């Protein structure tokens, strides 16, 4: 998936990415009245950069990394942001 590769590249350029996976749920939203295009994605992102950061700070780091993809290509991004230690415990 092209969008997955682009997101991963942007994350790797801005943080120490230990693990990344994404699922595309766009097909579930095509018939919604307000659907105007763009991907509906769910991601798991593991990075040491999340250590000692609040959930909002973690999501802000991701949004800053993804940048302008959130304006058109991505309509919705649900994410789990974990440190490597948190990921190991799951």
Protein backbone atom coordinates (compact mmCIF):
# COMPACT_ATOMS: atom_id res chain seq x y z
CA UNK A 1 0.00 0.00 0.00
CA UNK A 2 1.54 3.31 -1.11
CA UNK A 3 0.11 5.34 1.77
CA UNK A 4 1.60 2.90 4.30
CA UNK A 5 5.06 3.31 2.79
CA UNK A 6 4.77 7.10 2.76
CA UNK A 7 3.64 7.27 6.40
CA UNK A 8 6.41 4.90 7.49
CA UNK A 9 9.04 6.93 5.64
CA UNK A 10 7.86 10.16 7.22
CA UNK A 11 7.82 8.61 10.70
CA UNK A 12 11.32 7.17 10.22
CA UNK A 13 12.58 10.59 9.14
CA UNK A 14 11.28 12.23 12.31
CA UNK A 15 11.59 9.64 15.07
CA UNK A 16 13.25 6.43 16.13
CA UNK A 17 10.66 4.01 14.74
CA UNK A 18 10.88 0.53 16.29
CA UNK A 19 7.64 -0.94 14.90
CA UNK A 20 4.92 0.24 12.53
CA UNK A 21 1.82 -1.43 11.20
CA UNK A 22 -1.28 0.00 9.62
CA UNK A 23 -4.69 -1.36 8.65
CA UNK A 24 -6.89 0.26 6.02
CA UNK A 25 -10.58 0.55 6.93
CA UNK A 26 -11.50 2.93 4.11
CA UNK A 27 -13.88 0.42 2.55
CA UNK A 28 -16.11 0.53 5.63
CA UNK A 29 -16.71 4.27 5.18
CA UNK A 30 -17.40 4.68 1.47
CA UNK A 31 -21.17 4.92 1.88
CA UNK A 32 -21.12 7.38 4.78
CA UNK A 33 -22.87 10.61 3.85
CA UNK A 34 -19.92 12.76 4.97
CA UNK A 35 -17.23 10.64 3.29
CA UNK A 36 -15.26 12.96 1.04
CA UNK A 37 -12.36 10.69 0.22
CA UNK A 38 -9.11 9.92 1.94
CA UNK A 39 -8.00 6.85 3.82
CA UNK A 40 -9.44 5.66 7.13
CA UNK A 41 -6.46 4.07 8.87
CA UNK A 42 -5.61 2.40 12.16
CA UNK A 43 -1.93 2.30 13.12
CA UNK A 44 0.33 0.87 15.79
CA UNK A 45 3.46 2.97 16.20
CA UNK A 46 6.28 2.00 18.55
CA UNK A 47 9.06 4.48 19.24
CA UNK A 48 11.51 5.42 21.98
CA UNK A 49 10.47 9.03 21.28
CA UNK A 50 7.22 8.35 23.16
CA UNK A 51 9.00 7.72 26.47
CA UNK A 52 7.78 10.10 29.20
CA UNK A 53 5.26 11.71 26.80
CA UNK A 54 1.52 12.04 27.36
CA UNK A 55 -0.92 10.57 24.87
CA UNK A 56 -1.52 14.01 23.37
CA UNK A 57 2.23 14.64 23.02
CA UNK A 58 2.68 11.25 21.33
CA UNK A 59 -0.13 11.92 18.86
CA UNK A 60 1.23 15.40 18.19
CA UNK A 61 4.60 13.85 17.26
CA UNK A 62 2.88 11.52 14.80
CA UNK A 63 0.75 14.29 13.26
CA UNK A 64 3.83 16.50 12.89
CA UNK A 65 5.64 13.64 11.14
CA UNK A 66 2.74 12.75 8.84
CA UNK A 67 2.29 16.43 8.01
CA UNK A 68 0.22 17.41 5.01
CA UNK A 69 -1.02 13.85 4.38
CA UNK A 70 -3.72 14.66 6.95
CA UNK A 71 -5.10 17.40 4.69
CA UNK A 72 -6.10 15.20 1.75
CA UNK A 73 -4.77 11.65 1.63
CA UNK A 74 -5.78 10.64 5.17
CA UNK A 75 -9.31 11.35 6.34
CA UNK A 76 -9.04 9.54 9.68
CA UNK A 77 -6.08 8.12 11.59
CA UNK A 78 -6.64 6.08 14.71
CA UNK A 79 -3.41 5.16 16.44
CA UNK A 80 -1.85 3.31 19.33
CA UNK A 81 1.42 4.95 20.28
CA UNK A 82 3.68 2.83 22.46
CA UNK A 83 7.20 2.80 23.81
CA UNK A 84 9.22 -0.37 23.15
CA UNK A 85 8.69 -1.44 26.79
CA UNK A 86 4.91 -0.97 26.49
CA UNK A 87 4.93 -2.91 23.22
CA UNK A 88 6.86 -5.82 24.82
CA UNK A 89 4.27 -6.09 27.59
CA UNK A 90 1.35 -6.50 25.13
